[in-house]
């Protein structure tokens, strides 16, 4: 990632919601063409890039809402909370709720699918929560890569259909229907397919993710 770390001194919190990157458990849409082990290696690199970006943002609290166990990809300075709930809407709502109960400050939540994210983008999200009730980062596949709430409420997420082309539009509609002012961030591409992986690696050529993908390609060539 570009070295665009921001000076310290901010408030608020960023939550990363993630799965332990185990073969067969993560990035299953990458298999094929990748093996389960290769898909897990890409997921691990993407998670490490995301956590590194968060670590360089001057927020008061950094939280990892994790399904599974921690690994060497976790930098210091993060509070780890177990995920709760069954469906993704429940797990997102619970992550917001748990983080806000522990630290009643605005919450920005991201996943592990956008290793191209930068500290500057994340800081923009925090800044939007100073001006707006919510901040929303749409994803190119119709979902969303970031959601921030000044005052989290499970009702804003529960029942929103997840992992569909209409997910982002429905989530944004839910926010606005609740009367919230919403700041918008640029659209980013999630890593779901091999085509996504190549595009994101090209966008962030210095990332761990790009290095991991290049290593896999070298192995295939040989």
C-alpha atoms as a PDB file:
ATOM      1  CA  UNK A   1       0.000   0.000   0.000  1.00  0.00           C
ATOM      2  CA  UNK A   2       1.182   3.590  -0.516  1.00  0.00           C
ATOM      3  CA  UNK A   3       2.845   5.076   2.522  1.00  0.00           C
ATOM      4  CA  UNK A   4       0.051   7.550   3.266  1.00  0.00           C
ATOM      5  CA  UNK A   5      -0.255   7.042   7.013  1.00  0.00           C
ATOM      6  CA  UNK A   6      -1.983   9.890   8.801  1.00  0.00           C
ATOM      7  CA  UNK A   7      -0.640  11.615  11.949  1.00  0.00           C
ATOM      8  CA  UNK A   8      -2.115  10.295  15.179  1.00  0.00           C
ATOM      9  CA  UNK A   9      -4.608  12.059  17.397  1.00  0.00           C
ATOM     10  CA  UNK A  10      -8.114  11.107  16.236  1.00  0.00           C
ATOM     11  CA  UNK A  11     -11.096   9.519  17.934  1.00  0.00           C
ATOM     12  CA  UNK A  12     -13.761   7.003  17.023  1.00  0.00           C
ATOM     13  CA  UNK A  13     -13.199   3.383  16.086  1.00  0.00           C
ATOM     14  CA  UNK A  14     -12.790   1.102  13.096  1.00  0.00           C
ATOM     15  CA  UNK A  15     -14.037  -2.477  13.145  1.00  0.00           C
ATOM     16  CA  UNK A  16     -12.765  -5.093  10.702  1.00  0.00           C
ATOM     17  CA  UNK A  17     -15.113  -8.070  10.358  1.00  0.00           C
ATOM     18  CA  UNK A  18     -13.286 -11.142   9.124  1.00  0.00           C
ATOM     19  CA  UNK A  19     -12.986 -14.912   9.039  1.00  0.00           C
ATOM     20  CA  UNK A  20      -9.855 -16.801   9.970  1.00  0.00           C
ATOM     21  CA  UNK A  21      -8.271 -17.479   6.550  1.00  0.00           C
ATOM     22  CA  UNK A  22      -8.464 -21.276   6.482  1.00  0.00           C
ATOM     23  CA  UNK A  23      -8.463 -23.360   3.273  1.00  0.00           C
ATOM     24  CA  UNK A  24     -11.978 -24.271   2.252  1.00  0.00           C
ATOM     25  CA  UNK A  25     -13.502 -21.668   4.583  1.00  0.00           C
ATOM     26  CA  UNK A  26     -12.657 -18.405   2.824  1.00  0.00           C
ATOM     27  CA  UNK A  27     -12.726 -17.105  -0.741  1.00  0.00           C
ATOM     28  CA  UNK A  28     -14.446 -20.223  -2.020  1.00  0.00           C
ATOM     29  CA  UNK A  29     -15.490 -18.391  -5.194  1.00  0.00           C
ATOM     30  CA  UNK A  30     -11.796 -18.280  -6.118  1.00  0.00           C
ATOM     31  CA  UNK A  31     -11.732 -22.076  -6.362  1.00  0.00           C
ATOM     32  CA  UNK A  32     -11.242 -22.793  -9.186  1.00  0.00           C
ATOM     33  CA  UNK A  33      -8.979 -21.567 -10.684  1.00  0.00           C
ATOM     34  CA  UNK A  34      -7.088 -21.372  -7.387  1.00  0.00           C
ATOM     35  CA  UNK A  35      -6.743 -24.232  -4.924  1.00  0.00           C
ATOM     36  CA  UNK A  36      -8.305 -23.851  -1.468  1.00  0.00           C
ATOM     37  CA  UNK A  37      -4.819 -23.291  -0.003  1.00  0.00           C
ATOM     38  CA  UNK A  38      -4.050 -20.577  -2.567  1.00  0.00           C
ATOM     39  CA  UNK A  39      -7.408 -18.901  -1.948  1.00  0.00           C
ATOM     40  CA  UNK A  40      -6.687 -18.921   1.798  1.00  0.00           C
ATOM     41  CA  UNK A  41      -3.242 -17.399   1.176  1.00  0.00           C
ATOM     42  CA  UNK A  42      -4.862 -14.601  -0.823  1.00  0.00           C
ATOM     43  CA  UNK A  43      -7.429 -14.074   1.927  1.00  0.00           C
ATOM     44  CA  UNK A  44      -4.682 -13.928   4.548  1.00  0.00           C
ATOM     45  CA  UNK A  45      -2.786 -11.326   2.521  1.00  0.00           C
ATOM     46  CA  UNK A  46      -5.938  -9.269   1.974  1.00  0.00           C
ATOM     47  CA  UNK A  47      -6.707  -9.346   5.691  1.00  0.00           C
ATOM     48  CA  UNK A  48      -3.144  -8.322   6.567  1.00  0.00           C
ATOM     49  CA  UNK A  49      -3.308  -5.383   4.127  1.00  0.00           C
ATOM     50  CA  UNK A  50      -6.648  -4.278   5.566  1.00  0.00           C
ATOM     51  CA  UNK A  51      -5.477  -4.470   9.174  1.00  0.00           C
ATOM     52  CA  UNK A  52      -2.285  -2.594   8.289  1.00  0.00           C
ATOM     53  CA  UNK A  53      -4.316   0.220   6.726  1.00  0.00           C
ATOM     54  CA  UNK A  54      -6.520   0.418   9.826  1.00  0.00           C
ATOM     55  CA  UNK A  55      -3.462   0.419  12.098  1.00  0.00           C
ATOM     56  CA  UNK A  56      -2.240   3.599  10.389  1.00  0.00           C
ATOM     57  CA  UNK A  57      -5.448   5.566  10.945  1.00  0.00           C
ATOM     58  CA  UNK A  58      -5.540   7.826  14.051  1.00  0.00           C
ATOM     59  CA  UNK A  59      -8.627   6.347  15.676  1.00  0.00           C
ATOM     60  CA  UNK A  60      -8.992   5.730  19.371  1.00  0.00           C
ATOM     61  CA  UNK A  61      -9.984   2.065  19.046  1.00  0.00           C
ATOM     62  CA  UNK A  62      -9.242  -0.657  16.484  1.00  0.00           C
ATOM     63  CA  UNK A  63     -11.392  -3.784  16.668  1.00  0.00           C
ATOM     64  CA  UNK A  64     -11.317  -7.126  14.876  1.00  0.00           C
ATOM     65  CA  UNK A  65     -14.667  -8.959  14.895  1.00  0.00           C
ATOM     66  CA  UNK A  66     -13.340 -12.422  14.135  1.00  0.00           C
ATOM     67  CA  UNK A  67     -14.859 -15.763  13.236  1.00  0.00           C
ATOM     68  CA  UNK A  68     -12.094 -18.193  14.200  1.00  0.00           C
ATOM     69  CA  UNK A  69      -8.675 -17.711  15.742  1.00  0.00           C
ATOM     70  CA  UNK A  70      -6.043 -15.010  15.320  1.00  0.00           C
ATOM     71  CA  UNK A  71      -2.828 -15.563  13.381  1.00  0.00           C
ATOM     72  CA  UNK A  72       0.444 -13.847  12.464  1.00  0.00           C
ATOM     73  CA  UNK A  73      -1.484 -11.431  10.225  1.00  0.00           C
ATOM     74  CA  UNK A  74      -2.848  -9.572  13.293  1.00  0.00           C
ATOM     75  CA  UNK A  75      -0.791  -6.458  14.202  1.00  0.00           C
ATOM     76  CA  UNK A  76      -0.664  -5.109  17.745  1.00  0.00           C
ATOM     77  CA  UNK A  77      -3.205  -2.583  18.960  1.00  0.00           C
ATOM     78  CA  UNK A  78      -6.421  -4.417  18.051  1.00  0.00           C
ATOM     79  CA  UNK A  79      -9.149  -5.592  20.393  1.00  0.00           C
ATOM     80  CA  UNK A  80     -10.464  -8.952  19.189  1.00  0.00           C
ATOM     81  CA  UNK A  81     -14.161  -9.725  19.615  1.00  0.00           C
ATOM     82  CA  UNK A  82     -15.864 -12.975  18.560  1.00  0.00           C
ATOM     83  CA  UNK A  83     -18.538 -12.691  15.918  1.00  0.00           C
ATOM     84  CA  UNK A  84     -22.131 -13.348  16.936  1.00  0.00           C
ATOM     85  CA  UNK A  85     -25.117 -14.343  14.841  1.00  0.00           C
ATOM     86  CA  UNK A  86     -25.883 -16.617  11.930  1.00  0.00           C
ATOM     87  CA  UNK A  87     -26.543 -14.636   8.759  1.00  0.00           C
ATOM     88  CA  UNK A  88     -24.220 -11.856   7.639  1.00  0.00           C
ATOM     89  CA  UNK A  89     -26.790  -9.200   8.527  1.00  0.00           C
ATOM     90  CA  UNK A  90     -26.878 -10.534  12.100  1.00  0.00           C
ATOM     91  CA  UNK A  91     -23.092 -10.682  12.358  1.00  0.00           C
ATOM     92  CA  UNK A  92     -22.692  -7.138  11.047  1.00  0.00           C
ATOM     93  CA  UNK A  93     -25.345  -5.820  13.432  1.00  0.00           C
ATOM     94  CA  UNK A  94     -23.710  -7.647  16.349  1.00  0.00           C
ATOM     95  CA  UNK A  95     -20.246  -6.327  15.467  1.00  0.00           C
ATOM     96  CA  UNK A  96     -21.558  -2.761  15.480  1.00  0.00           C
ATOM     97  CA  UNK A  97     -23.438  -3.365  18.726  1.00  0.00           C
ATOM     98  CA  UNK A  98     -20.534  -5.047  20.547  1.00  0.00           C
ATOM     99  CA  UNK A  99     -18.016  -2.403  19.516  1.00  0.00           C
ATOM    100  CA  UNK A 100     -20.323   0.464  20.443  1.00  0.00           C
ATOM    101  CA  UNK A 101     -21.215  -1.072  23.800  1.00  0.00           C
ATOM    102  CA  UNK A 102     -17.511  -1.404  24.637  1.00  0.00           C
ATOM    103  CA  UNK A 103     -16.703   2.103  23.396  1.00  0.00           C
ATOM    104  CA  UNK A 104     -19.726   4.374  22.793  1.00  0.00           C
ATOM    105  CA  UNK A 105     -18.181   6.260  19.883  1.00  0.00           C
ATOM    106  CA  UNK A 106     -18.893   6.362  16.135  1.00  0.00           C
ATOM    107  CA  UNK A 107     -18.086   3.089  14.369  1.00  0.00           C
ATOM    108  CA  UNK A 108     -16.722   2.501  10.881  1.00  0.00           C
ATOM    109  CA  UNK A 109     -16.896  -1.140   9.786  1.00  0.00           C
ATOM    110  CA  UNK A 110     -15.111  -2.779   6.856  1.00  0.00           C
ATOM    111  CA  UNK A 111     -14.526  -6.335   5.695  1.00  0.00           C
ATOM    112  CA  UNK A 112     -11.432  -8.189   4.484  1.00  0.00           C
ATOM    113  CA  UNK A 113     -12.275  -8.093   0.758  1.00  0.00           C
ATOM    114  CA  UNK A 114     -10.710  -4.747  -0.215  1.00  0.00           C
ATOM    115  CA  UNK A 115      -6.915  -4.969   0.326  1.00  0.00           C
ATOM    116  CA  UNK A 116      -6.530  -1.829  -1.802  1.00  0.00           C
ATOM    117  CA  UNK A 117      -8.086   0.306   0.942  1.00  0.00           C
ATOM    118  CA  UNK A 118      -5.865   3.117   2.229  1.00  0.00           C
ATOM    119  CA  UNK A 119      -5.609   5.002   5.519  1.00  0.00           C
ATOM    120  CA  UNK A 120      -6.719   8.138   3.681  1.00  0.00           C
ATOM    121  CA  UNK A 121      -9.957   6.506   2.549  1.00  0.00           C
ATOM    122  CA  UNK A 122     -10.640   5.261   6.057  1.00  0.00           C
ATOM    123  CA  UNK A 123      -9.919   8.688   7.505  1.00  0.00           C
ATOM    124  CA  UNK A 124     -12.381  10.167   5.007  1.00  0.00           C
ATOM    125  CA  UNK A 125     -15.003   7.815   6.418  1.00  0.00           C
ATOM    126  CA  UNK A 126     -14.276   8.969   9.955  1.00  0.00           C
ATOM    127  CA  UNK A 127     -14.489  12.600   8.830  1.00  0.00           C
ATOM    128  CA  UNK A 128     -17.876  11.960   7.216  1.00  0.00           C
ATOM    129  CA  UNK A 129     -19.232  10.775  10.571  1.00  0.00           C
ATOM    130  CA  UNK A 130     -18.469  14.209  11.978  1.00  0.00           C
ATOM    131  CA  UNK A 131     -20.833  15.723   9.408  1.00  0.00           C
ATOM    132  CA  UNK A 132     -23.316  12.891   8.810  1.00  0.00           C
ATOM    133  CA  UNK A 133     -25.190  10.203  10.715  1.00  0.00           C
ATOM    134  CA  UNK A 134     -23.796   7.466   8.481  1.00  0.00           C
ATOM    135  CA  UNK A 135     -21.164   6.862   5.827  1.00  0.00           C
ATOM    136  CA  UNK A 136     -21.484   4.326   3.021  1.00  0.00           C
ATOM    137  CA  UNK A 137     -18.891   2.845   0.676  1.00  0.00           C
ATOM    138  CA  UNK A 138     -20.499   1.074  -2.299  1.00  0.00           C
ATOM    139  CA  UNK A 139     -18.852  -1.954  -3.885  1.00  0.00           C
ATOM    140  CA  UNK A 140     -18.637  -2.530  -7.619  1.00  0.00           C
ATOM    141  CA  UNK A 141     -20.599  -5.792  -7.350  1.00  0.00           C
ATOM    142  CA  UNK A 142     -23.651  -4.049  -5.877  1.00  0.00           C
ATOM    143  CA  UNK A 143     -22.776  -4.607  -2.227  1.00  0.00           C
ATOM    144  CA  UNK A 144     -20.849  -2.314   0.074  1.00  0.00           C
ATOM    145  CA  UNK A 145     -17.275  -2.346   1.319  1.00  0.00           C
ATOM    146  CA  UNK A 146     -17.714   0.084   4.225  1.00  0.00           C
ATOM    147  CA  UNK A 147     -20.482   1.190   6.545  1.00  0.00           C
ATOM    148  CA  UNK A 148     -20.106   3.750   9.295  1.00  0.00           C
ATOM    149  CA  UNK A 149     -22.679   4.751  11.897  1.00  0.00           C
ATOM    150  CA  UNK A 150     -22.515   7.524  14.422  1.00  0.00           C
ATOM    151  CA  UNK A 151     -25.065   5.731  16.603  1.00  0.00           C
ATOM    152  CA  UNK A 152     -25.330   2.052  15.647  1.00  0.00           C
ATOM    153  CA  UNK A 153     -28.745   0.415  15.746  1.00  0.00           C
ATOM    154  CA  UNK A 154     -29.244  -3.286  14.829  1.00  0.00           C
ATOM    155  CA  UNK A 155     -32.510  -2.374  13.079  1.00  0.00           C
ATOM    156  CA  UNK A 156     -30.473  -0.583  10.403  1.00  0.00           C
ATOM    157  CA  UNK A 157     -28.962  -3.909   9.282  1.00  0.00           C
ATOM    158  CA  UNK A 158     -31.159  -6.803  10.344  1.00  0.00           C
ATOM    159  CA  UNK A 159     -33.155  -8.175   7.432  1.00  0.00           C
ATOM    160  CA  UNK A 160     -31.117  -6.494   4.707  1.00  0.00           C
ATOM    161  CA  UNK A 161     -30.519  -9.200   2.048  1.00  0.00           C
ATOM    162  CA  UNK A 162     -26.803  -9.874   1.885  1.00  0.00           C
ATOM    163  CA  UNK A 163     -24.446 -11.017  -0.892  1.00  0.00           C
ATOM    164  CA  UNK A 164     -26.816  -9.988  -3.682  1.00  0.00           C
ATOM    165  CA  UNK A 165     -26.489  -7.370  -6.445  1.00  0.00           C
ATOM    166  CA  UNK A 166     -29.144  -5.292  -4.630  1.00  0.00           C
ATOM    167  CA  UNK A 167     -27.509  -5.448  -1.188  1.00  0.00           C
ATOM    168  CA  UNK A 168     -25.871  -2.032  -1.345  1.00  0.00           C
ATOM    169  CA  UNK A 169     -28.951  -0.280  -2.693  1.00  0.00           C
ATOM    170  CA  UNK A 170     -31.157  -1.871  -0.046  1.00  0.00           C
ATOM    171  CA  UNK A 171     -28.736  -0.993   2.764  1.00  0.00           C
ATOM    172  CA  UNK A 172     -28.544   2.612   1.580  1.00  0.00           C
ATOM    173  CA  UNK A 173     -32.335   2.751   1.308  1.00  0.00           C
ATOM    174  CA  UNK A 174     -32.613   1.449   4.865  1.00  0.00           C
ATOM    175  CA  UNK A 175     -30.316   4.187   6.161  1.00  0.00           C
ATOM    176  CA  UNK A 176     -32.181   6.954   4.381  1.00  0.00           C
ATOM    177  CA  UNK A 177     -35.591   5.557   5.341  1.00  0.00           C
ATOM    178  CA  UNK A 178     -34.489   5.893   8.972  1.00  0.00           C
ATOM    179  CA  UNK A 179     -33.965   9.600   8.364  1.00  0.00           C
ATOM    180  CA  UNK A 180     -30.176   9.445   8.524  1.00  0.00           C
ATOM    181  CA  UNK A 181     -27.901  11.777   6.612  1.00  0.00           C
ATOM    182  CA  UNK A 182     -25.438   9.649   4.633  1.00  0.00           C
ATOM    183  CA  UNK A 183     -21.980  10.536   3.347  1.00  0.00           C
ATOM    184  CA  UNK A 184     -20.813   8.574   0.314  1.00  0.00           C
ATOM    185  CA  UNK A 185     -17.318   7.225  -0.373  1.00  0.00           C
ATOM    186  CA  UNK A 186     -15.824   6.061  -3.687  1.00  0.00           C
ATOM    187  CA  UNK A 187     -16.780   2.637  -4.973  1.00  0.00           C
ATOM    188  CA  UNK A 188     -14.211  -0.139  -4.485  1.00  0.00           C
ATOM    189  CA  UNK A 189     -13.978  -3.596  -5.982  1.00  0.00           C
ATOM    190  CA  UNK A 190     -14.314  -6.593  -3.655  1.00  0.00           C
ATOM    191  CA  UNK A 191     -12.138  -9.637  -4.272  1.00  0.00           C
ATOM    192  CA  UNK A 192     -14.640 -12.378  -5.072  1.00  0.00           C
ATOM    193  CA  UNK A 193     -13.410 -13.856  -8.344  1.00  0.00           C
ATOM    194  CA  UNK A 194     -10.079 -14.448 -10.090  1.00  0.00           C
ATOM    195  CA  UNK A 195     -10.837 -11.454 -12.311  1.00  0.00           C
ATOM    196  CA  UNK A 196     -11.378  -9.318  -9.211  1.00  0.00           C
ATOM    197  CA  UNK A 197      -8.100 -10.548  -7.737  1.00  0.00           C
ATOM    198  CA  UNK A 198      -6.137  -9.520 -10.831  1.00  0.00           C
ATOM    199  CA  UNK A 199      -7.807  -6.094 -10.986  1.00  0.00           C
ATOM    200  CA  UNK A 200      -7.278  -5.330  -7.287  1.00  0.00           C
ATOM    201  CA  UNK A 201      -3.650  -6.477  -7.395  1.00  0.00           C
ATOM    202  CA  UNK A 202      -3.036  -4.140 -10.331  1.00  0.00           C
ATOM    203  CA  UNK A 203      -4.654  -1.291  -8.395  1.00  0.00           C
ATOM    204  CA  UNK A 204      -2.471  -1.932  -5.324  1.00  0.00           C
ATOM    205  CA  UNK A 205       0.786  -3.351  -6.757  1.00  0.00           C
ATOM    206  CA  UNK A 206       2.763  -2.827  -3.540  1.00  0.00           C
ATOM    207  CA  UNK A 207       0.285  -4.711  -1.360  1.00  0.00           C
ATOM    208  CA  UNK A 208       0.777  -8.073   0.285  1.00  0.00           C
ATOM    209  CA  UNK A 209      -2.189  -9.221  -1.755  1.00  0.00           C
ATOM    210  CA  UNK A 210      -0.469  -8.391  -5.048  1.00  0.00           C
ATOM    211  CA  UNK A 211       2.689 -10.160  -3.873  1.00  0.00           C
ATOM    212  CA  UNK A 212       0.710 -13.247  -2.871  1.00  0.00           C
ATOM    213  CA  UNK A 213      -1.062 -13.362  -6.230  1.00  0.00           C
ATOM    214  CA  UNK A 214       2.223 -12.918  -8.084  1.00  0.00           C
ATOM    215  CA  UNK A 215       3.748 -15.767  -6.080  1.00  0.00           C
ATOM    216  CA  UNK A 216       0.882 -18.066  -6.991  1.00  0.00           C
ATOM    217  CA  UNK A 217       1.221 -17.181 -10.678  1.00  0.00           C
ATOM    218  CA  UNK A 218       4.970 -17.863 -10.584  1.00  0.00           C
ATOM    219  CA  UNK A 219       4.249 -21.280  -9.047  1.00  0.00           C
ATOM    220  CA  UNK A 220       1.717 -22.054 -11.766  1.00  0.00           C
ATOM    221  CA  UNK A 221       4.148 -20.974 -14.507  1.00  0.00           C
ATOM    222  CA  UNK A 222       6.794 -23.281 -13.183  1.00  0.00           C
END
